[in-house]
Amino acid sequence: MLRETPLHAQQAQQRATNILNAVVEGATDAIYLKDAAGHYLMINSAGAAVMGRLPEQVIGKTVQEMFNAETAQQLIADDARVLEHGTIETVENNIQSPRGSRIFQSVKAPWRNSAGEVIGTIGISRDVTELREAQMVLARQAALLDLSPDALIVRNMDGNIIFWSRGASQLYGWTAHEALGHTTH
């Protein structure tokens, strides 16, 4: 029977740490850990890049030191809710970055100590700017289509109605609310 030595345990711990670091650094999303006072204890390169910095330039700093006052106020309020309620939250914030104004969707979770007490926040933030812009373009296009007096019906690949124009409502007598989600033949 093999006995695990302290050296084997240390090597296993180092391997686990290396794997976790590879995952965190390989992510294109910002991943960070803050204490209850809002100091960054850990941040990956993608997260630091949002601020135009390197991780070592962010560690130990607060959001007030890294962002403008308006953005810092939003982020502090988000963290305060997570700290107070001890629950996971998904939020969206407009952040000023070196690339200009960006929209980030963040999942923030409580960081707990071994006694279960909330001692900080864990966050993962994704830049959803292009997605939100594409959604706005689609909404504008749908609004323009709806102005047409013609009956316009859009179906997805499964045949379910995903757009029903006013012209279709006038022609067929169904409101968009009644038609959406139904299958056409």
N, C-alpha and C. Protein backbone atom coordinates (compact mmCIF):
# COMPACT_ATOMS: atom_id res chain seq x y z
N MET A 1 0.84 -1.18 0.00
CA MET A 1 0.00 0.00 0.00
C MET A 1 0.89 1.25 0.00
N LEU A 2 0.56 2.16 -0.91
CA LEU A 2 1.33 3.39 -0.99
C LEU A 2 0.80 4.41 -0.01
N ARG A 3 1.72 5.05 0.64
CA ARG A 3 1.35 6.09 1.59
C ARG A 3 1.67 7.44 0.96
N GLU A 4 0.70 8.38 1.06
CA GLU A 4 0.93 9.71 0.50
C GLU A 4 1.85 10.48 1.44
N THR A 5 2.93 10.96 0.88
CA THR A 5 3.88 11.73 1.67
C THR A 5 3.52 13.21 1.56
N PRO A 6 4.05 14.01 2.47
CA PRO A 6 3.80 15.46 2.36
C PRO A 6 4.25 16.01 1.01
N LEU A 7 5.32 15.43 0.44
CA LEU A 7 5.78 15.89 -0.86
C LEU A 7 4.76 15.58 -1.94
N HIS A 8 4.16 14.36 -1.91
CA HIS A 8 3.12 14.00 -2.87
C HIS A 8 1.91 14.91 -2.72
N ALA A 9 1.53 15.20 -1.50
CA ALA A 9 0.38 16.08 -1.26
C ALA A 9 0.67 17.48 -1.78
N GLN A 10 1.89 17.94 -1.57
CA GLN A 10 2.27 19.27 -2.04
C GLN A 10 2.27 19.31 -3.57
N GLN A 11 2.77 18.26 -4.20
CA GLN A 11 2.79 18.19 -5.66
C GLN A 11 1.36 18.16 -6.23
N ALA A 12 0.48 17.40 -5.58
CA ALA A 12 -0.92 17.33 -6.01
C ALA A 12 -1.58 18.69 -5.87
N GLN A 13 -1.29 19.37 -4.77
CA GLN A 13 -1.86 20.71 -4.56
C GLN A 13 -1.34 21.68 -5.61
N GLN A 14 -0.06 21.61 -5.92
CA GLN A 14 0.52 22.50 -6.92
C GLN A 14 -0.07 22.22 -8.30
N ARG A 15 -0.29 20.95 -8.62
CA ARG A 15 -0.89 20.59 -9.91
C ARG A 15 -2.31 21.14 -9.99
N ALA A 16 -3.10 20.99 -8.91
CA ALA A 16 -4.46 21.52 -8.89
C ALA A 16 -4.46 23.04 -9.06
N THR A 17 -3.53 23.72 -8.42
CA THR A 17 -3.41 25.18 -8.54
C THR A 17 -3.04 25.57 -9.97
N ASN A 18 -2.12 24.83 -10.58
CA ASN A 18 -1.72 25.12 -11.96
C ASN A 18 -2.89 24.93 -12.92
N ILE A 19 -3.68 23.88 -12.71
CA ILE A 19 -4.84 23.64 -13.57
C ILE A 19 -5.85 24.78 -13.43
N LEU A 20 -6.15 25.16 -12.20
CA LEU A 20 -7.10 26.25 -11.96
C LEU A 20 -6.60 27.55 -12.59
N ASN A 21 -5.32 27.85 -12.43
CA ASN A 21 -4.75 29.06 -13.04
C ASN A 21 -4.86 29.03 -14.56
N ALA A 22 -4.64 27.86 -15.15
CA ALA A 22 -4.75 27.73 -16.60
C ALA A 22 -6.17 28.00 -17.07
N VAL A 23 -7.15 27.49 -16.33
CA VAL A 23 -8.56 27.71 -16.68
C VAL A 23 -8.90 29.19 -16.58
N VAL A 24 -8.53 29.81 -15.46
CA VAL A 24 -8.84 31.23 -15.23
C VAL A 24 -8.17 32.12 -16.27
N GLU A 25 -6.90 31.87 -16.53
CA GLU A 25 -6.17 32.69 -17.50
C GLU A 25 -6.57 32.40 -18.94
N GLY A 26 -7.06 31.19 -19.21
CA GLY A 26 -7.50 30.85 -20.55
C GLY A 26 -8.86 31.41 -20.92
N ALA A 27 -9.59 31.90 -19.93
CA ALA A 27 -10.93 32.44 -20.16
C ALA A 27 -10.85 33.81 -20.81
N THR A 28 -11.81 34.08 -21.70
CA THR A 28 -11.90 35.41 -22.30
C THR A 28 -12.82 36.31 -21.47
N ASP A 29 -13.55 35.73 -20.52
CA ASP A 29 -14.36 36.52 -19.60
C ASP A 29 -13.49 37.02 -18.46
N ALA A 30 -13.90 38.13 -17.86
CA ALA A 30 -13.21 38.63 -16.68
C ALA A 30 -13.60 37.75 -15.49
N ILE A 31 -12.61 37.28 -14.75
CA ILE A 31 -12.84 36.47 -13.55
C ILE A 31 -12.08 37.14 -12.41
N TYR A 32 -12.78 37.37 -11.29
CA TYR A 32 -12.16 38.12 -10.21
C TYR A 32 -12.74 37.72 -8.86
N LEU A 33 -11.99 38.05 -7.83
CA LEU A 33 -12.37 37.79 -6.44
C LEU A 33 -12.07 39.06 -5.65
N LYS A 34 -13.05 39.52 -4.89
CA LYS A 34 -12.87 40.73 -4.08
C LYS A 34 -13.22 40.42 -2.62
N ASP A 35 -12.52 41.07 -1.70
CA ASP A 35 -12.87 40.92 -0.29
C ASP A 35 -14.09 41.78 0.02
N ALA A 36 -14.58 41.71 1.25
CA ALA A 36 -15.80 42.42 1.63
C ALA A 36 -15.63 43.93 1.52
N ALA A 37 -14.41 44.43 1.60
CA ALA A 37 -14.16 45.86 1.48
C ALA A 37 -14.01 46.29 0.02
N GLY A 38 -14.08 45.33 -0.91
CA GLY A 38 -14.04 45.66 -2.33
C GLY A 38 -12.67 45.65 -2.96
N HIS A 39 -11.65 45.15 -2.25
CA HIS A 39 -10.31 45.06 -2.81
C HIS A 39 -10.21 43.82 -3.70
N TYR A 40 -9.64 43.99 -4.88
CA TYR A 40 -9.41 42.85 -5.76
C TYR A 40 -8.31 41.99 -5.16
N LEU A 41 -8.63 40.73 -4.89
CA LEU A 41 -7.65 39.78 -4.38
C LEU A 41 -7.08 38.92 -5.51
N MET A 42 -7.88 38.79 -6.59
CA MET A 42 -7.47 38.01 -7.76
C MET A 42 -8.25 38.54 -8.94
N ILE A 43 -7.57 38.61 -10.08
CA ILE A 43 -8.23 38.98 -11.34
C ILE A 43 -7.40 38.38 -12.48
N ASN A 44 -8.08 37.87 -13.48
CA ASN A 44 -7.35 37.31 -14.61
C ASN A 44 -6.98 38.42 -15.60
N SER A 45 -6.19 38.05 -16.59
CA SER A 45 -5.72 39.04 -17.58
C SER A 45 -6.86 39.67 -18.34
N ALA A 46 -7.90 38.89 -18.67
CA ALA A 46 -9.05 39.44 -19.40
C ALA A 46 -9.76 40.50 -18.56
N GLY A 47 -9.88 40.27 -17.27
CA GLY A 47 -10.52 41.24 -16.38
C GLY A 47 -9.70 42.50 -16.24
N ALA A 48 -8.41 42.35 -16.06
CA ALA A 48 -7.54 43.52 -15.93
C ALA A 48 -7.52 44.34 -17.23
N ALA A 49 -7.62 43.66 -18.36
CA ALA A 49 -7.61 44.35 -19.66
C ALA A 49 -8.81 45.28 -19.81
N VAL A 50 -9.94 44.93 -19.18
CA VAL A 50 -11.12 45.81 -19.22
C VAL A 50 -10.76 47.18 -18.65
N MET A 51 -9.83 47.19 -17.69
CA MET A 51 -9.41 48.43 -17.05
C MET A 51 -8.16 49.02 -17.70
N GLY A 52 -7.68 48.34 -18.75
CA GLY A 52 -6.46 48.81 -19.40
C GLY A 52 -5.23 48.55 -18.56
N ARG A 53 -5.28 47.51 -17.74
CA ARG A 53 -4.19 47.22 -16.80
C ARG A 53 -3.75 45.77 -16.90
N LEU A 54 -2.69 45.45 -16.18
CA LEU A 54 -2.24 44.08 -15.98
C LEU A 54 -2.78 43.62 -14.62
N PRO A 55 -2.94 42.31 -14.42
CA PRO A 55 -3.48 41.83 -13.13
C PRO A 55 -2.73 42.38 -11.93
N GLU A 56 -1.41 42.42 -12.00
CA GLU A 56 -0.63 42.90 -10.84
C GLU A 56 -0.87 44.38 -10.54
N GLN A 57 -1.38 45.13 -11.51
CA GLN A 57 -1.71 46.54 -11.28
C GLN A 57 -3.08 46.72 -10.66
N VAL A 58 -3.88 45.65 -10.63
CA VAL A 58 -5.24 45.72 -10.10
C VAL A 58 -5.33 45.12 -8.69
N ILE A 59 -4.56 44.07 -8.45
CA ILE A 59 -4.61 43.37 -7.16
C ILE A 59 -4.37 44.36 -6.02
N GLY A 60 -5.26 44.31 -5.02
CA GLY A 60 -5.15 45.20 -3.86
C GLY A 60 -5.90 46.51 -4.01
N LYS A 61 -6.32 46.83 -5.23
CA LYS A 61 -7.05 48.08 -5.49
C LYS A 61 -8.55 47.85 -5.33
N THR A 62 -9.29 48.94 -5.21
CA THR A 62 -10.75 48.89 -5.13
C THR A 62 -11.34 49.36 -6.45
N VAL A 63 -12.64 49.14 -6.62
CA VAL A 63 -13.29 49.61 -7.85
C VAL A 63 -13.22 51.13 -7.97
N GLN A 64 -13.24 51.83 -6.83
CA GLN A 64 -13.13 53.29 -6.87
C GLN A 64 -11.80 53.73 -7.47
N GLU A 65 -10.77 52.92 -7.28
CA GLU A 65 -9.46 53.25 -7.81
C GLU A 65 -9.31 52.84 -9.28
N MET A 66 -10.18 51.95 -9.75
CA MET A 66 -10.02 51.40 -11.09
C MET A 66 -11.03 51.94 -12.11
N PHE A 67 -12.16 52.47 -11.63
CA PHE A 67 -13.22 52.92 -12.54
C PHE A 67 -13.64 54.34 -12.20
N ASN A 68 -14.37 54.96 -13.14
CA ASN A 68 -14.91 56.29 -12.86
C ASN A 68 -15.96 56.20 -11.76
N ALA A 69 -16.36 57.32 -11.20
CA ALA A 69 -17.24 57.34 -10.03
C ALA A 69 -18.58 56.67 -10.30
N GLU A 70 -19.17 56.93 -11.46
CA GLU A 70 -20.49 56.35 -11.76
C GLU A 70 -20.42 54.83 -11.86
N THR A 71 -19.43 54.33 -12.58
CA THR A 71 -19.26 52.88 -12.71
C THR A 71 -18.96 52.25 -11.36
N ALA A 72 -18.06 52.87 -10.60
CA ALA A 72 -17.71 52.35 -9.27
C ALA A 72 -18.94 52.25 -8.39
N GLN A 73 -19.80 53.26 -8.43
CA GLN A 73 -21.01 53.26 -7.62
C GLN A 73 -21.92 52.07 -7.99
N GLN A 74 -22.08 51.80 -9.28
CA GLN A 74 -22.89 50.66 -9.73
C GLN A 74 -22.30 49.34 -9.23
N LEU A 75 -20.99 49.18 -9.39
CA LEU A 75 -20.33 47.93 -9.01
C LEU A 75 -20.37 47.72 -7.49
N ILE A 76 -20.20 48.78 -6.74
CA ILE A 76 -20.27 48.69 -5.28
C ILE A 76 -21.67 48.28 -4.84
N ALA A 77 -22.70 48.85 -5.47
CA ALA A 77 -24.08 48.49 -5.13
C ALA A 77 -24.36 47.03 -5.45
N ASP A 78 -23.87 46.55 -6.59
CA ASP A 78 -24.05 45.14 -6.96
C ASP A 78 -23.39 44.23 -5.92
N ASP A 79 -22.14 44.54 -5.57
CA ASP A 79 -21.42 43.73 -4.58
C ASP A 79 -22.10 43.78 -3.22
N ALA A 80 -22.61 44.95 -2.84
CA ALA A 80 -23.26 45.10 -1.53
C ALA A 80 -24.48 44.18 -1.41
N ARG A 81 -25.26 44.05 -2.50
CA ARG A 81 -26.42 43.14 -2.47
C ARG A 81 -25.98 41.69 -2.28
N VAL A 82 -24.94 41.30 -2.98
CA VAL A 82 -24.44 39.93 -2.86
C VAL A 82 -23.92 39.68 -1.45
N LEU A 83 -23.18 40.65 -0.91
CA LEU A 83 -22.65 40.52 0.45
C LEU A 83 -23.77 40.47 1.48
N GLU A 84 -24.78 41.30 1.31
CA GLU A 84 -25.88 41.38 2.27
C GLU A 84 -26.77 40.14 2.24
N HIS A 85 -27.14 39.71 1.03
CA HIS A 85 -28.10 38.62 0.91
C HIS A 85 -27.44 37.24 0.79
N GLY A 86 -26.17 37.20 0.46
CA GLY A 86 -25.47 35.94 0.32
C GLY A 86 -25.98 35.08 -0.82
N THR A 87 -26.50 35.74 -1.87
CA THR A 87 -27.06 35.02 -3.01
C THR A 87 -26.33 35.42 -4.29
N ILE A 88 -26.49 34.59 -5.30
CA ILE A 88 -25.90 34.85 -6.61
C ILE A 88 -26.79 35.82 -7.37
N GLU A 89 -26.18 36.78 -8.04
CA GLU A 89 -26.92 37.76 -8.84
C GLU A 89 -26.31 37.85 -10.24
N THR A 90 -27.17 38.08 -11.22
CA THR A 90 -26.72 38.38 -12.58
C THR A 90 -27.13 39.82 -12.86
N VAL A 91 -26.17 40.63 -13.25
CA VAL A 91 -26.41 42.06 -13.48
C VAL A 91 -25.76 42.48 -14.80
N GLU A 92 -26.22 43.61 -15.32
CA GLU A 92 -25.57 44.22 -16.49
C GLU A 92 -25.18 45.64 -16.13
N ASN A 93 -23.98 46.00 -16.55
CA ASN A 93 -23.47 47.34 -16.29
C ASN A 93 -22.80 47.89 -17.53
N ASN A 94 -22.93 49.20 -17.72
CA ASN A 94 -22.17 49.91 -18.75
C ASN A 94 -20.85 50.32 -18.11
N ILE A 95 -19.76 49.88 -18.71
CA ILE A 95 -18.43 50.13 -18.17
C ILE A 95 -17.62 50.92 -19.19
N GLN A 96 -16.95 51.96 -18.72
CA GLN A 96 -16.02 52.68 -19.58
C GLN A 96 -14.70 51.93 -19.56
N SER A 97 -14.24 51.52 -20.74
CA SER A 97 -12.99 50.77 -20.85
C SER A 97 -12.12 51.44 -21.89
N PRO A 98 -10.89 50.98 -22.04
CA PRO A 98 -10.04 51.53 -23.11
C PRO A 98 -10.66 51.39 -24.50
N ARG A 99 -11.62 50.45 -24.65
CA ARG A 99 -12.31 50.25 -25.93
C ARG A 99 -13.59 51.09 -26.00
N GLY A 100 -13.81 51.98 -25.05
CA GLY A 100 -15.02 52.80 -25.02
C GLY A 100 -16.06 52.21 -24.09
N SER A 101 -17.28 52.66 -24.23
CA SER A 101 -18.37 52.18 -23.39
C SER A 101 -18.73 50.76 -23.81
N ARG A 102 -18.74 49.85 -22.85
CA ARG A 102 -19.03 48.44 -23.11
C ARG A 102 -20.11 47.99 -22.14
N ILE A 103 -20.90 47.01 -22.56
CA ILE A 103 -21.94 46.42 -21.70
C ILE A 103 -21.43 45.07 -21.21
N PHE A 104 -21.38 44.91 -19.90
CA PHE A 104 -20.93 43.65 -19.31
C PHE A 104 -22.06 43.00 -18.54
N GLN A 105 -22.25 41.71 -18.78
CA GLN A 105 -23.17 40.92 -17.98
C GLN A 105 -22.30 40.15 -16.98
N SER A 106 -22.62 40.30 -15.72
CA SER A 106 -21.81 39.70 -14.66
C SER A 106 -22.64 38.78 -13.79
N VAL A 107 -22.03 37.65 -13.45
CA VAL A 107 -22.60 36.76 -12.44
C VAL A 107 -21.73 36.95 -11.22
N LYS A 108 -22.35 37.38 -10.13
CA LYS A 108 -21.63 37.64 -8.89
C LYS A 108 -22.17 36.70 -7.82
N ALA A 109 -21.24 36.08 -7.11
CA ALA A 109 -21.60 35.11 -6.08
C ALA A 109 -20.89 35.46 -4.78
N PRO A 110 -21.47 35.04 -3.66
CA PRO A 110 -20.78 35.27 -2.39
C PRO A 110 -19.57 34.34 -2.25
N TRP A 111 -18.50 34.88 -1.71
CA TRP A 111 -17.31 34.08 -1.36
C TRP A 111 -17.42 33.85 0.14
N ARG A 112 -17.41 32.60 0.54
CA ARG A 112 -17.61 32.24 1.95
C ARG A 112 -16.34 31.62 2.54
N ASN A 113 -16.16 31.85 3.84
CA ASN A 113 -15.06 31.19 4.54
C ASN A 113 -15.52 29.79 4.98
N SER A 114 -14.66 29.07 5.67
CA SER A 114 -14.97 27.69 6.05
C SER A 114 -16.14 27.61 7.02
N ALA A 115 -16.46 28.71 7.70
CA ALA A 115 -17.60 28.75 8.62
C ALA A 115 -18.89 29.13 7.91
N GLY A 116 -18.81 29.39 6.59
CA GLY A 116 -19.99 29.75 5.83
C GLY A 116 -20.31 31.23 5.82
N GLU A 117 -19.47 32.04 6.42
CA GLU A 117 -19.70 33.48 6.46
C GLU A 117 -19.26 34.11 5.14
N VAL A 118 -20.04 35.06 4.65
CA VAL A 118 -19.70 35.75 3.41
C VAL A 118 -18.56 36.72 3.70
N ILE A 119 -17.46 36.53 2.97
CA ILE A 119 -16.27 37.37 3.20
C ILE A 119 -15.84 38.15 1.96
N GLY A 120 -16.61 38.02 0.89
CA GLY A 120 -16.28 38.74 -0.33
C GLY A 120 -17.17 38.31 -1.47
N THR A 121 -16.78 38.70 -2.68
CA THR A 121 -17.55 38.35 -3.87
C THR A 121 -16.66 37.70 -4.91
N ILE A 122 -17.27 36.79 -5.65
CA ILE A 122 -16.63 36.14 -6.79
C ILE A 122 -17.40 36.63 -8.01
N GLY A 123 -16.70 37.00 -9.07
CA GLY A 123 -17.40 37.50 -10.24
C GLY A 123 -16.84 36.97 -11.55
N ILE A 124 -17.74 36.79 -12.49
CA ILE A 124 -17.38 36.47 -13.87
C ILE A 124 -18.19 37.42 -14.74
N SER A 125 -17.49 38.19 -15.56
CA SER A 125 -18.14 39.21 -16.39
C SER A 125 -17.81 39.00 -17.85
N ARG A 126 -18.86 39.09 -18.68
CA ARG A 126 -18.71 38.89 -20.13
C ARG A 126 -19.14 40.16 -20.85
N ASP A 127 -18.35 40.55 -21.83
CA ASP A 127 -18.69 41.70 -22.67
C ASP A 127 -19.80 41.26 -23.63
N VAL A 128 -20.99 41.83 -23.46
CA VAL A 128 -22.14 41.48 -24.30
C VAL A 128 -22.54 42.65 -25.21
N THR A 129 -21.63 43.58 -25.41
CA THR A 129 -21.94 44.77 -26.19
C THR A 129 -22.44 44.43 -27.59
N GLU A 130 -21.70 43.60 -28.31
CA GLU A 130 -22.11 43.26 -29.68
C GLU A 130 -23.44 42.53 -29.69
N LEU A 131 -23.67 41.65 -28.73
CA LEU A 131 -24.94 40.93 -28.65
C LEU A 131 -26.09 41.91 -28.43
N ARG A 132 -25.95 42.84 -27.51
CA ARG A 132 -27.03 43.82 -27.25
C ARG A 132 -27.25 44.71 -28.46
N GLU A 133 -26.18 45.10 -29.15
CA GLU A 133 -26.33 45.92 -30.36
C GLU A 133 -27.07 45.14 -31.45
N ALA A 134 -26.75 43.86 -31.62
CA ALA A 134 -27.44 43.03 -32.61
C ALA A 134 -28.91 42.87 -32.24
N GLN A 135 -29.20 42.72 -30.97
CA GLN A 135 -30.59 42.60 -30.53
C GLN A 135 -31.36 43.89 -30.82
N MET A 136 -30.71 45.03 -30.65
CA MET A 136 -31.38 46.30 -30.94
C MET A 136 -31.65 46.45 -32.43
N VAL A 137 -30.71 46.03 -33.26
CA VAL A 137 -30.89 46.08 -34.72
C VAL A 137 -32.06 45.19 -35.13
N LEU A 138 -32.11 43.99 -34.58
CA LEU A 138 -33.22 43.07 -34.89
C LEU A 138 -34.56 43.65 -34.45
N ALA A 139 -34.59 44.27 -33.28
CA ALA A 139 -35.84 44.86 -32.79
C ALA A 139 -36.29 46.01 -33.71
N ARG A 140 -35.33 46.83 -34.18
CA ARG A 140 -35.67 47.92 -35.10
C ARG A 140 -36.18 47.35 -36.42
N GLN A 141 -35.54 46.30 -36.92
CA GLN A 141 -35.98 45.68 -38.17
C GLN A 141 -37.38 45.08 -38.02
N ALA A 142 -37.63 44.44 -36.89
CA ALA A 142 -38.96 43.87 -36.65
C ALA A 142 -40.01 44.97 -36.60
N ALA A 143 -39.67 46.10 -35.98
CA ALA A 143 -40.61 47.22 -35.92
C ALA A 143 -40.90 47.76 -37.31
N LEU A 144 -39.88 47.82 -38.16
CA LEU A 144 -40.10 48.28 -39.54
C LEU A 144 -40.97 47.30 -40.32
N LEU A 145 -40.72 46.00 -40.14
CA LEU A 145 -41.54 44.99 -40.82
C LEU A 145 -43.00 45.10 -40.38
N ASP A 146 -43.19 45.42 -39.13
CA ASP A 146 -44.54 45.49 -38.59
C ASP A 146 -45.33 46.65 -39.19
N LEU A 147 -44.64 47.63 -39.76
CA LEU A 147 -45.32 48.77 -40.38
C LEU A 147 -45.92 48.41 -41.75
N SER A 148 -45.47 47.31 -42.33
CA SER A 148 -45.95 46.90 -43.65
C SER A 148 -47.41 46.45 -43.57
N PRO A 149 -48.23 46.84 -44.57
CA PRO A 149 -49.61 46.37 -44.59
C PRO A 149 -49.71 44.89 -45.03
N ASP A 150 -48.60 44.34 -45.54
CA ASP A 150 -48.60 42.94 -45.99
C ASP A 150 -48.57 42.00 -44.79
N ALA A 151 -49.08 40.80 -45.01
CA ALA A 151 -49.03 39.76 -43.98
C ALA A 151 -47.63 39.16 -44.00
N LEU A 152 -46.83 39.45 -42.98
CA LEU A 152 -45.48 38.93 -42.88
C LEU A 152 -45.40 37.97 -41.70
N ILE A 153 -44.97 36.76 -41.98
CA ILE A 153 -44.86 35.72 -40.95
C ILE A 153 -43.45 35.14 -41.04
N VAL A 154 -42.77 35.06 -39.90
CA VAL A 154 -41.43 34.49 -39.86
C VAL A 154 -41.48 33.26 -38.95
N ARG A 155 -40.90 32.16 -39.48
CA ARG A 155 -40.86 30.91 -38.73
C ARG A 155 -39.41 30.51 -38.48
N ASN A 156 -39.19 29.80 -37.37
CA ASN A 156 -37.85 29.25 -37.14
C ASN A 156 -37.74 27.91 -37.86
N MET A 157 -36.63 27.23 -37.69
CA MET A 157 -36.38 25.97 -38.40
C MET A 157 -37.36 24.87 -38.01
N ASP A 158 -37.99 24.98 -36.86
CA ASP A 158 -38.97 23.98 -36.43
C ASP A 158 -40.38 24.30 -36.91
N GLY A 159 -40.54 25.40 -37.64
CA GLY A 159 -41.85 25.80 -38.15
C GLY A 159 -42.65 26.63 -37.17
N ASN A 160 -42.08 26.99 -36.02
CA ASN A 160 -42.79 27.82 -35.04
C ASN A 160 -42.75 29.28 -35.46
N ILE A 161 -43.87 29.94 -35.31
CA ILE A 161 -43.97 31.35 -35.68
C ILE A 161 -43.21 32.18 -34.66
N ILE A 162 -42.25 32.99 -35.15
CA ILE A 162 -41.47 33.86 -34.26
C ILE A 162 -41.72 35.34 -34.55
N PHE A 163 -42.41 35.63 -35.66
CA PHE A 163 -42.81 37.02 -35.96
C PHE A 163 -44.13 36.97 -36.70
N TRP A 164 -45.04 37.84 -36.31
CA TRP A 164 -46.39 37.92 -36.88
C TRP A 164 -46.70 39.41 -37.01
N SER A 165 -46.79 39.90 -38.23
CA SER A 165 -46.97 41.34 -38.46
C SER A 165 -48.42 41.77 -38.23
N ARG A 166 -48.61 43.08 -38.18
CA ARG A 166 -49.97 43.64 -38.07
C ARG A 166 -50.80 43.26 -39.29
N GLY A 167 -50.13 43.25 -40.46
CA GLY A 167 -50.83 42.85 -41.69
C GLY A 167 -51.33 41.42 -41.58
N ALA A 168 -50.54 40.52 -40.96
CA ALA A 168 -50.97 39.13 -40.77
C ALA A 168 -52.16 39.08 -39.81
N SER A 169 -52.13 39.93 -38.80
CA SER A 169 -53.27 39.98 -37.86
C SER A 169 -54.54 40.42 -38.57
N GLN A 170 -54.42 41.41 -39.44
CA GLN A 170 -55.59 41.90 -40.17
C GLN A 170 -56.12 40.86 -41.15
N LEU A 171 -55.21 40.15 -41.81
CA LEU A 171 -55.61 39.17 -42.80
C LEU A 171 -56.19 37.90 -42.16
N TYR A 172 -55.54 37.39 -41.13
CA TYR A 172 -55.93 36.11 -40.55
C TYR A 172 -56.79 36.21 -39.29
N GLY A 173 -56.82 37.40 -38.67
CA GLY A 173 -57.67 37.59 -37.50
C GLY A 173 -57.05 37.17 -36.17
N TRP A 174 -55.81 36.73 -36.18
CA TRP A 174 -55.11 36.37 -34.94
C TRP A 174 -54.17 37.50 -34.55
N THR A 175 -54.08 37.79 -33.28
CA THR A 175 -53.10 38.78 -32.82
C THR A 175 -51.73 38.11 -32.81
N ALA A 176 -50.70 38.92 -32.76
CA ALA A 176 -49.34 38.38 -32.68
C ALA A 176 -49.20 37.50 -31.44
N HIS A 177 -49.80 37.94 -30.33
CA HIS A 177 -49.74 37.18 -29.08
C HIS A 177 -50.34 35.79 -29.25
N GLU A 178 -51.42 35.70 -29.99
CA GLU A 178 -52.09 34.40 -30.23
C GLU A 178 -51.29 33.51 -31.19
N ALA A 179 -50.60 34.12 -32.15
CA ALA A 179 -49.91 33.35 -33.19
C ALA A 179 -48.50 32.91 -32.81
N LEU A 180 -47.79 33.74 -32.06
CA LEU A 180 -46.38 33.44 -31.75
C LEU A 180 -46.25 32.10 -31.03
N GLY A 181 -45.29 31.31 -31.50
CA GLY A 181 -45.03 30.01 -30.90
C GLY A 181 -45.79 28.87 -31.51
N HIS A 182 -46.84 29.17 -32.27
CA HIS A 182 -47.59 28.11 -32.93
C HIS A 182 -46.85 27.62 -34.17
N THR A 183 -47.18 26.44 -34.62
CA THR A 183 -46.56 25.85 -35.80
C THR A 183 -47.45 26.07 -37.00
N THR A 184 -46.83 26.42 -38.13
CA THR A 184 -47.59 26.56 -39.37
C THR A 184 -47.37 25.33 -40.22
N HIS A 185 -48.30 25.08 -41.10
CA HIS A 185 -48.19 23.89 -41.97
C HIS A 185 -48.05 24.31 -43.41
